Amino acid sequence: MPKDVRRIKTERDIQTAFLDLLKTKKFRQITIADICQQSLTSRSTFYSHYLDKYDLLDKMVAHYSTMFTQKVRPHFQLIIDGNFDELMQSIWVLLDENQQAIHILFTVHEPEADLKVNFQQILHNGWKHYIEAQSLTQVTPIDLIADMAANLQMTLLEWVIQHGSKQLPNVISSFNALIQTIRPQIIKNNALESPSKKA
């Protein structure tokens, strides 16, 4: 059932206030009273939407993590094929529309709600799934290759989030050169030959 328009507006106001507070305070310093005052809502209204500030953070992190997964998963083959430009442009739509929120939430690191860790894990899992699907005997451990690729992609994503898309084409070009150092590790020409082929 679609959410009531008033409920959507209230949650948007609370989340916007929460993000504004995170610009000047650490997450654990923020109180429900701070959020209510900033969003011009009552405590009873806040608690009708969220259990506490941790629930608010959890829901926001889950929301952006789901959006990122939906952008990355269908296009992951583009990375492997070297068409990172197309994937990055697709992801940039998400980042551009939510740049400030994602940038702020990347600074919050709670054990059960860490958007930056989630983004990196999504990228890592994408690489690992692809490599495992190739059924190749790898020269380099799969987790190491996946970590290397995910770290490179996260570096680019963070740079774009912080600086905007003005120099995105140049950054993508440089990144594509770096990603070529990883891709050969997961194609057949660089896989170890099986014992039967050596015989």
N, C-alpha and C. Protein backbone atom coordinates (compact mmCIF):
# COMPACT_ATOMS: atom_id res chain seq x y z
N MET A 1 0.84 -1.19 0.00
CA MET A 1 0.00 0.00 0.00
C MET A 1 0.88 1.25 0.00
N PRO A 2 0.61 2.22 -0.91
CA PRO A 2 1.43 3.44 -0.97
C PRO A 2 1.37 4.22 0.33
N LYS A 3 2.47 4.85 0.68
CA LYS A 3 2.51 5.65 1.90
C LYS A 3 1.65 6.90 1.73
N ASP A 4 1.06 7.34 2.85
CA ASP A 4 0.33 8.58 2.87
C ASP A 4 1.28 9.74 2.56
N VAL A 5 0.80 10.72 1.77
CA VAL A 5 1.64 11.85 1.36
C VAL A 5 2.18 12.60 2.57
N ARG A 6 1.35 12.77 3.59
CA ARG A 6 1.81 13.48 4.79
C ARG A 6 2.89 12.70 5.51
N ARG A 7 2.76 11.39 5.51
CA ARG A 7 3.78 10.56 6.16
C ARG A 7 5.11 10.66 5.41
N ILE A 8 5.04 10.64 4.08
CA ILE A 8 6.25 10.78 3.26
C ILE A 8 6.92 12.12 3.54
N LYS A 9 6.13 13.19 3.59
CA LYS A 9 6.68 14.53 3.84
C LYS A 9 7.32 14.61 5.22
N THR A 10 6.67 14.03 6.21
CA THR A 10 7.21 14.07 7.58
C THR A 10 8.54 13.31 7.65
N GLU A 11 8.59 12.14 7.04
CA GLU A 11 9.83 11.36 7.05
C GLU A 11 10.93 12.09 6.29
N ARG A 12 10.59 12.75 5.21
CA ARG A 12 11.56 13.53 4.46
C ARG A 12 12.10 14.67 5.31
N ASP A 13 11.21 15.35 6.02
CA ASP A 13 11.63 16.46 6.89
C ASP A 13 12.56 15.97 8.00
N ILE A 14 12.22 14.83 8.59
CA ILE A 14 13.04 14.27 9.68
C ILE A 14 14.41 13.86 9.14
N GLN A 15 14.43 13.21 7.99
CA GLN A 15 15.70 12.77 7.41
C GLN A 15 16.57 13.95 6.99
N THR A 16 15.96 14.99 6.44
CA THR A 16 16.71 16.19 6.05
C THR A 16 17.31 16.86 7.28
N ALA A 17 16.53 16.94 8.34
CA ALA A 17 17.02 17.54 9.59
C ALA A 17 18.17 16.72 10.16
N PHE A 18 18.03 15.41 10.09
CA PHE A 18 19.07 14.51 10.59
C PHE A 18 20.37 14.72 9.83
N LEU A 19 20.28 14.81 8.52
CA LEU A 19 21.47 15.03 7.69
C LEU A 19 22.09 16.39 7.98
N ASP A 20 21.27 17.41 8.19
CA ASP A 20 21.79 18.74 8.53
C ASP A 20 22.55 18.71 9.85
N LEU A 21 22.04 17.98 10.80
CA LEU A 21 22.69 17.87 12.11
C LEU A 21 24.03 17.14 12.00
N LEU A 22 24.09 16.15 11.11
CA LEU A 22 25.32 15.38 10.93
C LEU A 22 26.45 16.21 10.31
N LYS A 23 26.12 17.36 9.76
CA LYS A 23 27.15 18.24 9.22
C LYS A 23 27.99 18.88 10.33
N THR A 24 27.39 19.01 11.50
CA THR A 24 28.07 19.71 12.59
C THR A 24 28.26 18.86 13.85
N LYS A 25 27.56 17.73 13.93
CA LYS A 25 27.67 16.87 15.11
C LYS A 25 27.94 15.43 14.71
N LYS A 26 28.60 14.71 15.58
CA LYS A 26 28.77 13.28 15.37
C LYS A 26 27.45 12.58 15.67
N PHE A 27 27.25 11.43 15.03
CA PHE A 27 25.99 10.72 15.18
C PHE A 27 25.62 10.49 16.64
N ARG A 28 26.56 10.04 17.44
CA ARG A 28 26.24 9.70 18.83
C ARG A 28 26.00 10.92 19.71
N GLN A 29 26.31 12.10 19.21
CA GLN A 29 26.04 13.34 19.94
C GLN A 29 24.64 13.87 19.67
N ILE A 30 24.03 13.40 18.61
CA ILE A 30 22.71 13.88 18.22
C ILE A 30 21.62 13.21 19.06
N THR A 31 20.69 14.01 19.54
CA THR A 31 19.58 13.49 20.34
C THR A 31 18.27 13.57 19.55
N ILE A 32 17.27 12.87 20.05
CA ILE A 32 15.94 12.94 19.42
C ILE A 32 15.41 14.37 19.52
N ALA A 33 15.71 15.04 20.63
CA ALA A 33 15.28 16.42 20.80
C ALA A 33 15.89 17.31 19.72
N ASP A 34 17.17 17.06 19.39
CA ASP A 34 17.83 17.83 18.32
C ASP A 34 17.11 17.63 17.00
N ILE A 35 16.80 16.38 16.70
CA ILE A 35 16.14 16.06 15.42
C ILE A 35 14.75 16.70 15.35
N CYS A 36 14.01 16.60 16.46
CA CYS A 36 12.66 17.16 16.48
C CYS A 36 12.69 18.68 16.33
N GLN A 37 13.63 19.30 17.02
CA GLN A 37 13.74 20.76 16.92
C GLN A 37 14.12 21.19 15.51
N GLN A 38 15.08 20.46 14.90
CA GLN A 38 15.55 20.81 13.56
C GLN A 38 14.48 20.57 12.51
N SER A 39 13.67 19.54 12.70
CA SER A 39 12.64 19.18 11.72
C SER A 39 11.27 19.78 12.02
N LEU A 40 11.18 20.47 13.14
CA LEU A 40 9.92 21.08 13.56
C LEU A 40 8.82 20.04 13.72
N THR A 41 9.18 18.93 14.33
CA THR A 41 8.20 17.88 14.61
C THR A 41 8.21 17.58 16.10
N SER A 42 7.16 16.97 16.57
CA SER A 42 7.08 16.61 17.99
C SER A 42 7.73 15.25 18.21
N ARG A 43 8.05 14.96 19.47
CA ARG A 43 8.64 13.66 19.79
C ARG A 43 7.67 12.53 19.44
N SER A 44 6.39 12.75 19.69
CA SER A 44 5.41 11.70 19.40
C SER A 44 5.34 11.42 17.90
N THR A 45 5.49 12.48 17.10
CA THR A 45 5.50 12.29 15.64
C THR A 45 6.74 11.52 15.22
N PHE A 46 7.88 11.88 15.80
CA PHE A 46 9.12 11.16 15.46
C PHE A 46 8.95 9.67 15.77
N TYR A 47 8.47 9.36 16.96
CA TYR A 47 8.36 7.96 17.38
C TYR A 47 7.26 7.20 16.65
N SER A 48 6.40 7.91 15.96
CA SER A 48 5.40 7.21 15.14
C SER A 48 6.00 6.75 13.81
N HIS A 49 7.20 7.26 13.53
CA HIS A 49 7.89 6.89 12.28
C HIS A 49 9.13 6.03 12.53
N TYR A 50 9.82 6.27 13.65
CA TYR A 50 11.08 5.58 13.92
C TYR A 50 11.14 5.17 15.40
N LEU A 51 11.80 4.06 15.65
CA LEU A 51 11.96 3.58 17.03
C LEU A 51 12.89 4.49 17.81
N ASP A 52 13.98 4.91 17.16
CA ASP A 52 14.97 5.80 17.77
C ASP A 52 15.89 6.31 16.66
N LYS A 53 16.95 7.01 17.01
CA LYS A 53 17.83 7.56 15.97
C LYS A 53 18.59 6.45 15.24
N TYR A 54 18.80 5.31 15.91
CA TYR A 54 19.47 4.19 15.25
C TYR A 54 18.57 3.59 14.17
N ASP A 55 17.28 3.53 14.45
CA ASP A 55 16.33 3.04 13.46
C ASP A 55 16.27 3.99 12.26
N LEU A 56 16.32 5.29 12.54
CA LEU A 56 16.35 6.29 11.47
C LEU A 56 17.58 6.09 10.58
N LEU A 57 18.75 5.94 11.21
CA LEU A 57 19.98 5.70 10.46
C LEU A 57 19.91 4.40 9.67
N ASP A 58 19.44 3.34 10.32
CA ASP A 58 19.32 2.03 9.66
C ASP A 58 18.48 2.12 8.39
N LYS A 59 17.35 2.79 8.50
CA LYS A 59 16.43 2.89 7.36
C LYS A 59 17.04 3.71 6.22
N MET A 60 17.75 4.77 6.56
CA MET A 60 18.37 5.59 5.51
C MET A 60 19.51 4.84 4.83
N VAL A 61 20.32 4.14 5.61
CA VAL A 61 21.42 3.35 5.05
C VAL A 61 20.86 2.23 4.17
N ALA A 62 19.80 1.57 4.64
CA ALA A 62 19.19 0.49 3.85
C ALA A 62 18.63 1.03 2.54
N HIS A 63 18.04 2.20 2.59
CA HIS A 63 17.44 2.82 1.40
C HIS A 63 18.50 3.09 0.33
N TYR A 64 19.60 3.74 0.71
CA TYR A 64 20.63 4.07 -0.28
C TYR A 64 21.42 2.83 -0.71
N SER A 65 21.55 1.86 0.17
CA SER A 65 22.23 0.62 -0.20
C SER A 65 21.42 -0.13 -1.26
N THR A 66 20.10 -0.15 -1.08
CA THR A 66 19.23 -0.81 -2.06
C THR A 66 19.29 -0.11 -3.41
N MET A 67 19.27 1.22 -3.38
CA MET A 67 19.37 1.99 -4.62
C MET A 67 20.67 1.70 -5.35
N PHE A 68 21.76 1.62 -4.59
CA PHE A 68 23.07 1.36 -5.18
C PHE A 68 23.12 -0.04 -5.78
N THR A 69 22.60 -1.01 -5.06
CA THR A 69 22.56 -2.38 -5.55
C THR A 69 21.77 -2.47 -6.86
N GLN A 70 20.64 -1.78 -6.92
CA GLN A 70 19.81 -1.80 -8.12
C GLN A 70 20.50 -1.16 -9.31
N LYS A 71 21.38 -0.20 -9.05
CA LYS A 71 22.14 0.43 -10.13
C LYS A 71 23.30 -0.44 -10.58
N VAL A 72 23.99 -1.05 -9.63
CA VAL A 72 25.21 -1.79 -9.93
C VAL A 72 24.94 -3.18 -10.49
N ARG A 73 24.07 -3.93 -9.87
CA ARG A 73 23.90 -5.35 -10.22
C ARG A 73 23.56 -5.60 -11.69
N PRO A 74 22.58 -4.89 -12.28
CA PRO A 74 22.25 -5.18 -13.69
C PRO A 74 23.35 -4.79 -14.67
N HIS A 75 24.24 -3.89 -14.23
CA HIS A 75 25.25 -3.36 -15.15
C HIS A 75 26.66 -3.87 -14.83
N PHE A 76 26.77 -4.83 -13.94
CA PHE A 76 28.11 -5.22 -13.49
C PHE A 76 28.95 -5.79 -14.61
N GLN A 77 28.32 -6.46 -15.55
CA GLN A 77 29.07 -7.02 -16.67
C GLN A 77 29.81 -5.93 -17.44
N LEU A 78 29.29 -4.70 -17.40
CA LEU A 78 29.95 -3.59 -18.09
C LEU A 78 31.34 -3.34 -17.54
N ILE A 79 31.50 -3.53 -16.22
CA ILE A 79 32.81 -3.34 -15.60
C ILE A 79 33.78 -4.39 -16.14
N ILE A 80 33.33 -5.63 -16.16
CA ILE A 80 34.19 -6.71 -16.60
C ILE A 80 34.58 -6.55 -18.06
N ASP A 81 33.66 -6.05 -18.86
CA ASP A 81 33.93 -5.86 -20.28
C ASP A 81 34.76 -4.62 -20.56
N GLY A 82 35.02 -3.85 -19.51
CA GLY A 82 35.81 -2.64 -19.68
C GLY A 82 34.99 -1.42 -20.02
N ASN A 83 33.65 -1.54 -20.03
CA ASN A 83 32.78 -0.40 -20.34
C ASN A 83 32.39 0.34 -19.07
N PHE A 84 33.42 0.75 -18.34
CA PHE A 84 33.16 1.40 -17.06
C PHE A 84 32.47 2.74 -17.23
N ASP A 85 32.71 3.40 -18.37
CA ASP A 85 32.11 4.70 -18.62
C ASP A 85 30.59 4.64 -18.50
N GLU A 86 30.00 3.63 -19.16
CA GLU A 86 28.55 3.50 -19.18
C GLU A 86 28.00 3.21 -17.79
N LEU A 87 28.69 2.33 -17.06
CA LEU A 87 28.24 2.02 -15.70
C LEU A 87 28.33 3.25 -14.82
N MET A 88 29.46 3.98 -14.93
CA MET A 88 29.66 5.13 -14.06
C MET A 88 28.64 6.22 -14.34
N GLN A 89 28.28 6.39 -15.60
CA GLN A 89 27.26 7.38 -15.92
C GLN A 89 25.92 6.99 -15.30
N SER A 90 25.64 5.69 -15.29
CA SER A 90 24.40 5.20 -14.69
C SER A 90 24.41 5.45 -13.18
N ILE A 91 25.53 5.12 -12.55
CA ILE A 91 25.65 5.32 -11.11
C ILE A 91 25.61 6.81 -10.77
N TRP A 92 26.20 7.63 -11.67
CA TRP A 92 26.25 9.06 -11.38
C TRP A 92 24.86 9.66 -11.23
N VAL A 93 23.87 9.13 -11.97
CA VAL A 93 22.51 9.63 -11.83
C VAL A 93 22.06 9.48 -10.38
N LEU A 94 22.35 8.30 -9.80
CA LEU A 94 22.03 8.06 -8.39
C LEU A 94 22.82 9.01 -7.49
N LEU A 95 24.12 9.13 -7.73
CA LEU A 95 24.97 9.96 -6.88
C LEU A 95 24.59 11.44 -7.00
N ASP A 96 24.30 11.87 -8.22
CA ASP A 96 23.99 13.28 -8.46
C ASP A 96 22.72 13.68 -7.73
N GLU A 97 21.72 12.81 -7.77
CA GLU A 97 20.44 13.11 -7.13
C GLU A 97 20.51 13.03 -5.61
N ASN A 98 21.47 12.28 -5.10
CA ASN A 98 21.56 12.05 -3.65
C ASN A 98 22.96 12.33 -3.11
N GLN A 99 23.71 13.17 -3.81
CA GLN A 99 25.12 13.40 -3.49
C GLN A 99 25.34 13.83 -2.04
N GLN A 100 24.59 14.83 -1.61
CA GLN A 100 24.81 15.35 -0.26
C GLN A 100 24.50 14.30 0.80
N ALA A 101 23.37 13.61 0.66
CA ALA A 101 22.97 12.60 1.64
C ALA A 101 24.01 11.48 1.73
N ILE A 102 24.44 10.98 0.57
CA ILE A 102 25.42 9.89 0.55
C ILE A 102 26.75 10.36 1.13
N HIS A 103 27.17 11.56 0.76
CA HIS A 103 28.43 12.11 1.27
C HIS A 103 28.40 12.18 2.79
N ILE A 104 27.30 12.67 3.35
CA ILE A 104 27.19 12.79 4.81
C ILE A 104 27.13 11.42 5.47
N LEU A 105 26.33 10.52 4.92
CA LEU A 105 26.18 9.19 5.54
C LEU A 105 27.47 8.37 5.45
N PHE A 106 28.33 8.68 4.48
CA PHE A 106 29.63 8.01 4.39
C PHE A 106 30.51 8.31 5.61
N THR A 107 30.17 9.35 6.36
CA THR A 107 30.98 9.73 7.54
C THR A 107 30.50 9.04 8.81
N VAL A 108 29.37 8.33 8.73
CA VAL A 108 28.80 7.67 9.91
C VAL A 108 29.15 6.19 9.86
N HIS A 109 29.78 5.71 10.91
CA HIS A 109 30.23 4.31 10.94
C HIS A 109 29.74 3.63 12.21
N GLU A 110 28.55 3.05 12.11
CA GLU A 110 27.97 2.28 13.20
C GLU A 110 28.01 0.80 12.81
N PRO A 111 28.19 -0.09 13.80
CA PRO A 111 28.34 -1.53 13.50
C PRO A 111 27.24 -2.10 12.60
N GLU A 112 26.00 -1.66 12.80
CA GLU A 112 24.89 -2.23 12.03
C GLU A 112 24.40 -1.30 10.93
N ALA A 113 25.07 -0.16 10.75
CA ALA A 113 24.61 0.80 9.74
C ALA A 113 25.79 1.63 9.25
N ASP A 114 26.41 1.16 8.19
CA ASP A 114 27.58 1.84 7.64
C ASP A 114 27.44 1.84 6.12
N LEU A 115 27.01 2.97 5.56
CA LEU A 115 26.73 3.04 4.13
C LEU A 115 27.98 2.82 3.29
N LYS A 116 29.08 3.38 3.71
CA LYS A 116 30.33 3.23 2.95
C LYS A 116 30.75 1.76 2.89
N VAL A 117 30.67 1.07 3.99
CA VAL A 117 31.00 -0.35 4.03
C VAL A 117 30.03 -1.13 3.15
N ASN A 118 28.76 -0.77 3.19
CA ASN A 118 27.77 -1.46 2.36
C ASN A 118 28.08 -1.31 0.87
N PHE A 119 28.41 -0.07 0.46
CA PHE A 119 28.74 0.16 -0.95
C PHE A 119 29.93 -0.70 -1.37
N GLN A 120 30.95 -0.72 -0.51
CA GLN A 120 32.15 -1.49 -0.85
C GLN A 120 31.85 -2.98 -0.91
N GLN A 121 31.01 -3.45 0.00
CA GLN A 121 30.66 -4.87 0.01
C GLN A 121 29.84 -5.25 -1.21
N ILE A 122 28.97 -4.36 -1.66
CA ILE A 122 28.18 -4.60 -2.86
C ILE A 122 29.10 -4.76 -4.07
N LEU A 123 30.09 -3.89 -4.18
CA LEU A 123 31.05 -3.97 -5.28
C LEU A 123 31.90 -5.24 -5.18
N HIS A 124 32.37 -5.53 -3.96
CA HIS A 124 33.18 -6.73 -3.74
C HIS A 124 32.40 -7.98 -4.15
N ASN A 125 31.15 -8.08 -3.70
CA ASN A 125 30.34 -9.25 -4.00
C ASN A 125 30.09 -9.39 -5.50
N GLY A 126 29.93 -8.25 -6.18
CA GLY A 126 29.72 -8.29 -7.62
C GLY A 126 30.91 -8.89 -8.34
N TRP A 127 32.10 -8.41 -7.98
CA TRP A 127 33.32 -8.97 -8.58
C TRP A 127 33.49 -10.45 -8.23
N LYS A 128 33.28 -10.78 -6.99
CA LYS A 128 33.49 -12.17 -6.55
C LYS A 128 32.52 -13.11 -7.25
N HIS A 129 31.27 -12.69 -7.37
CA HIS A 129 30.27 -13.52 -8.04
C HIS A 129 30.67 -13.77 -9.48
N TYR A 130 31.13 -12.73 -10.17
CA TYR A 130 31.53 -12.89 -11.56
C TYR A 130 32.71 -13.84 -11.69
N ILE A 131 33.74 -13.64 -10.85
CA ILE A 131 34.95 -14.47 -10.93
C ILE A 131 34.61 -15.94 -10.68
N GLU A 132 33.80 -16.19 -9.65
CA GLU A 132 33.43 -17.57 -9.32
C GLU A 132 32.62 -18.21 -10.45
N ALA A 133 31.83 -17.40 -11.14
CA ALA A 133 31.01 -17.93 -12.23
C ALA A 133 31.84 -18.38 -13.43
N GLN A 134 33.09 -17.91 -13.50
CA GLN A 134 33.94 -18.30 -14.62
C GLN A 134 34.51 -19.71 -14.48
N SER A 135 34.45 -20.26 -13.25
CA SER A 135 34.96 -21.61 -12.99
C SER A 135 36.40 -21.77 -13.46
N LEU A 136 37.22 -20.77 -13.18
CA LEU A 136 38.64 -20.83 -13.57
C LEU A 136 39.51 -21.08 -12.35
N THR A 137 40.66 -21.72 -12.58
CA THR A 137 41.66 -21.87 -11.52
C THR A 137 42.49 -20.59 -11.51
N GLN A 138 42.38 -19.83 -10.45
CA GLN A 138 42.97 -18.49 -10.43
C GLN A 138 44.42 -18.47 -9.95
N VAL A 139 45.21 -17.61 -10.57
CA VAL A 139 46.58 -17.37 -10.11
C VAL A 139 46.54 -16.64 -8.78
N THR A 140 45.62 -15.69 -8.66
CA THR A 140 45.49 -14.85 -7.48
C THR A 140 44.21 -15.21 -6.73
N PRO A 141 44.21 -15.21 -5.39
CA PRO A 141 42.98 -15.52 -4.64
C PRO A 141 41.82 -14.63 -5.06
N ILE A 142 40.65 -15.22 -5.17
CA ILE A 142 39.47 -14.50 -5.64
C ILE A 142 39.15 -13.31 -4.75
N ASP A 143 39.20 -13.50 -3.44
CA ASP A 143 38.87 -12.40 -2.53
C ASP A 143 39.83 -11.23 -2.69
N LEU A 144 41.09 -11.51 -2.97
CA LEU A 144 42.07 -10.45 -3.15
C LEU A 144 41.75 -9.64 -4.42
N ILE A 145 41.44 -10.34 -5.51
CA ILE A 145 41.10 -9.65 -6.75
C ILE A 145 39.85 -8.79 -6.54
N ALA A 146 38.84 -9.36 -5.88
CA ALA A 146 37.59 -8.63 -5.64
C ALA A 146 37.84 -7.40 -4.77
N ASP A 147 38.70 -7.55 -3.75
CA ASP A 147 39.03 -6.42 -2.89
C ASP A 147 39.74 -5.31 -3.66
N MET A 148 40.70 -5.70 -4.51
CA MET A 148 41.44 -4.72 -5.29
C MET A 148 40.50 -3.93 -6.20
N ALA A 149 39.61 -4.63 -6.87
CA ALA A 149 38.68 -3.97 -7.79
C ALA A 149 37.70 -3.07 -7.05
N ALA A 150 37.16 -3.59 -5.95
CA ALA A 150 36.19 -2.80 -5.17
C ALA A 150 36.84 -1.56 -4.58
N ASN A 151 38.08 -1.69 -4.12
CA ASN A 151 38.79 -0.53 -3.55
C ASN A 151 39.01 0.56 -4.60
N LEU A 152 39.37 0.15 -5.81
CA LEU A 152 39.57 1.12 -6.89
C LEU A 152 38.25 1.84 -7.22
N GLN A 153 37.20 1.08 -7.31
CA GLN A 153 35.91 1.68 -7.63
C GLN A 153 35.43 2.61 -6.53
N MET A 154 35.62 2.21 -5.27
CA MET A 154 35.20 3.05 -4.15
C MET A 154 35.99 4.35 -4.13
N THR A 155 37.27 4.30 -4.46
CA THR A 155 38.08 5.52 -4.51
C THR A 155 37.48 6.51 -5.51
N LEU A 156 37.10 6.00 -6.67
CA LEU A 156 36.51 6.86 -7.69
C LEU A 156 35.15 7.39 -7.23
N LEU A 157 34.31 6.52 -6.67
CA LEU A 157 32.99 6.95 -6.22
C LEU A 157 33.09 8.03 -5.16
N GLU A 158 33.99 7.85 -4.21
CA GLU A 158 34.16 8.86 -3.15
C GLU A 158 34.64 10.18 -3.74
N TRP A 159 35.55 10.11 -4.70
CA TRP A 159 36.05 11.34 -5.33
C TRP A 159 34.91 12.08 -6.02
N VAL A 160 34.07 11.34 -6.74
CA VAL A 160 32.95 11.95 -7.45
C VAL A 160 31.95 12.55 -6.47
N ILE A 161 31.68 11.84 -5.38
CA ILE A 161 30.74 12.33 -4.38
C ILE A 161 31.23 13.63 -3.76
N GLN A 162 32.53 13.72 -3.53
CA GLN A 162 33.10 14.91 -2.90
C GLN A 162 33.27 16.07 -3.86
N HIS A 163 33.64 15.78 -5.12
CA HIS A 163 34.01 16.85 -6.05
C HIS A 163 33.01 17.09 -7.18
N GLY A 164 32.03 16.21 -7.33
CA GLY A 164 31.07 16.40 -8.41
C GLY A 164 31.54 15.77 -9.71
N SER A 165 30.72 15.91 -10.74
CA SER A 165 30.96 15.19 -12.00
C SER A 165 31.68 16.00 -13.05
N LYS A 166 32.12 17.21 -12.72
CA LYS A 166 32.71 18.09 -13.72
C LYS A 166 33.88 17.44 -14.46
N GLN A 167 34.74 16.73 -13.71
CA GLN A 167 35.89 16.09 -14.34
C GLN A 167 35.72 14.58 -14.47
N LEU A 168 34.46 14.14 -14.43
CA LEU A 168 34.17 12.71 -14.45
C LEU A 168 34.78 11.98 -15.66
N PRO A 169 34.69 12.53 -16.89
CA PRO A 169 35.28 11.82 -18.03
C PRO A 169 36.77 11.56 -17.86
N ASN A 170 37.53 12.54 -17.37
CA ASN A 170 38.97 12.36 -17.18
C ASN A 170 39.26 11.34 -16.09
N VAL A 171 38.45 11.39 -15.03
CA VAL A 171 38.65 10.45 -13.92
C VAL A 171 38.36 9.03 -14.37
N ILE A 172 37.28 8.84 -15.13
CA ILE A 172 36.92 7.51 -15.63
C ILE A 172 38.00 6.98 -16.54
N SER A 173 38.56 7.83 -17.39
CA SER A 173 39.62 7.41 -18.30
C SER A 173 40.83 6.89 -17.52
N SER A 174 41.20 7.60 -16.46
CA SER A 174 42.33 7.17 -15.63
C SER A 174 42.00 5.87 -14.92
N PHE A 175 40.75 5.76 -14.46
CA PHE A 175 40.34 4.56 -13.75
C PHE A 175 40.36 3.34 -14.67
N ASN A 176 39.91 3.52 -15.90
CA ASN A 176 39.90 2.41 -16.85
C ASN A 176 41.30 1.85 -17.06
N ALA A 177 42.30 2.73 -17.04
CA ALA A 177 43.68 2.27 -17.19
C ALA A 177 44.09 1.42 -15.99
N LEU A 178 43.63 1.82 -14.80
CA LEU A 178 43.96 1.06 -13.59
C LEU A 178 43.24 -0.29 -13.56
N ILE A 179 41.96 -0.29 -13.99
CA ILE A 179 41.18 -1.52 -13.91
C ILE A 179 41.75 -2.61 -14.83
N GLN A 180 42.48 -2.20 -15.86
CA GLN A 180 43.08 -3.17 -16.76
C GLN A 180 44.13 -4.02 -16.05
N THR A 181 44.66 -3.56 -14.93
CA THR A 181 45.63 -4.36 -14.18
C THR A 181 44.96 -5.50 -13.43
N ILE A 182 43.64 -5.39 -13.26
CA ILE A 182 42.90 -6.42 -12.53
C ILE A 182 42.19 -7.38 -13.48
N ARG A 183 41.60 -6.86 -14.54
CA ARG A 183 40.83 -7.70 -15.44
C ARG A 183 41.60 -8.91 -15.97
N PRO A 184 42.91 -8.78 -16.32
CA PRO A 184 43.62 -9.96 -16.83
C PRO A 184 43.66 -11.11 -15.84
N GLN A 185 43.46 -10.81 -14.55
CA GLN A 185 43.50 -11.88 -13.55
C GLN A 185 42.26 -12.76 -13.61
N ILE A 186 41.21 -12.29 -14.30
CA ILE A 186 39.97 -13.08 -14.29
C ILE A 186 39.54 -13.49 -15.69
N ILE A 187 40.45 -13.40 -16.64
CA ILE A 187 40.13 -13.92 -17.97
C ILE A 187 40.96 -15.18 -18.23
N LYS A 188 40.56 -15.98 -19.17
CA LYS A 188 41.12 -17.31 -19.34
C LYS A 188 42.62 -17.31 -19.63
N ASN A 189 43.09 -16.33 -20.35
CA ASN A 189 44.50 -16.32 -20.70
C ASN A 189 45.43 -16.23 -19.51
N ASN A 190 44.89 -15.78 -18.37
CA ASN A 190 45.72 -15.61 -17.18
C ASN A 190 45.37 -16.60 -16.09
N ALA A 191 44.51 -17.57 -16.40
CA ALA A 191 44.16 -18.60 -15.42
C ALA A 191 45.24 -19.70 -15.48
N LEU A 192 45.45 -20.34 -14.37
CA LEU A 192 46.38 -21.46 -14.33
C LEU A 192 45.83 -22.60 -15.15
N GLU A 193 46.64 -23.27 -15.88
CA GLU A 193 46.19 -24.44 -16.63
C GLU A 193 45.91 -25.58 -15.68
N SER A 194 44.87 -26.33 -15.98
CA SER A 194 44.54 -27.48 -15.16
C SER A 194 45.56 -28.58 -15.41
N PRO A 195 45.75 -29.50 -14.43
CA PRO A 195 46.70 -30.60 -14.60
C PRO A 195 46.44 -31.42 -15.86
N SER A 196 45.14 -31.58 -16.25
CA SER A 196 44.84 -32.41 -17.41
C SER A 196 45.34 -31.76 -18.70
N LYS A 197 45.32 -30.38 -18.72
CA LYS A 197 45.78 -29.69 -19.92
C LYS A 197 47.29 -29.74 -20.03
N LYS A 198 47.99 -29.81 -18.90
CA LYS A 198 49.43 -29.85 -18.90
C LYS A 198 49.96 -31.20 -19.35
N ALA A 199 49.15 -32.23 -19.12
CA ALA A 199 49.61 -33.59 -19.42
C ALA A 199 49.75 -33.79 -20.92
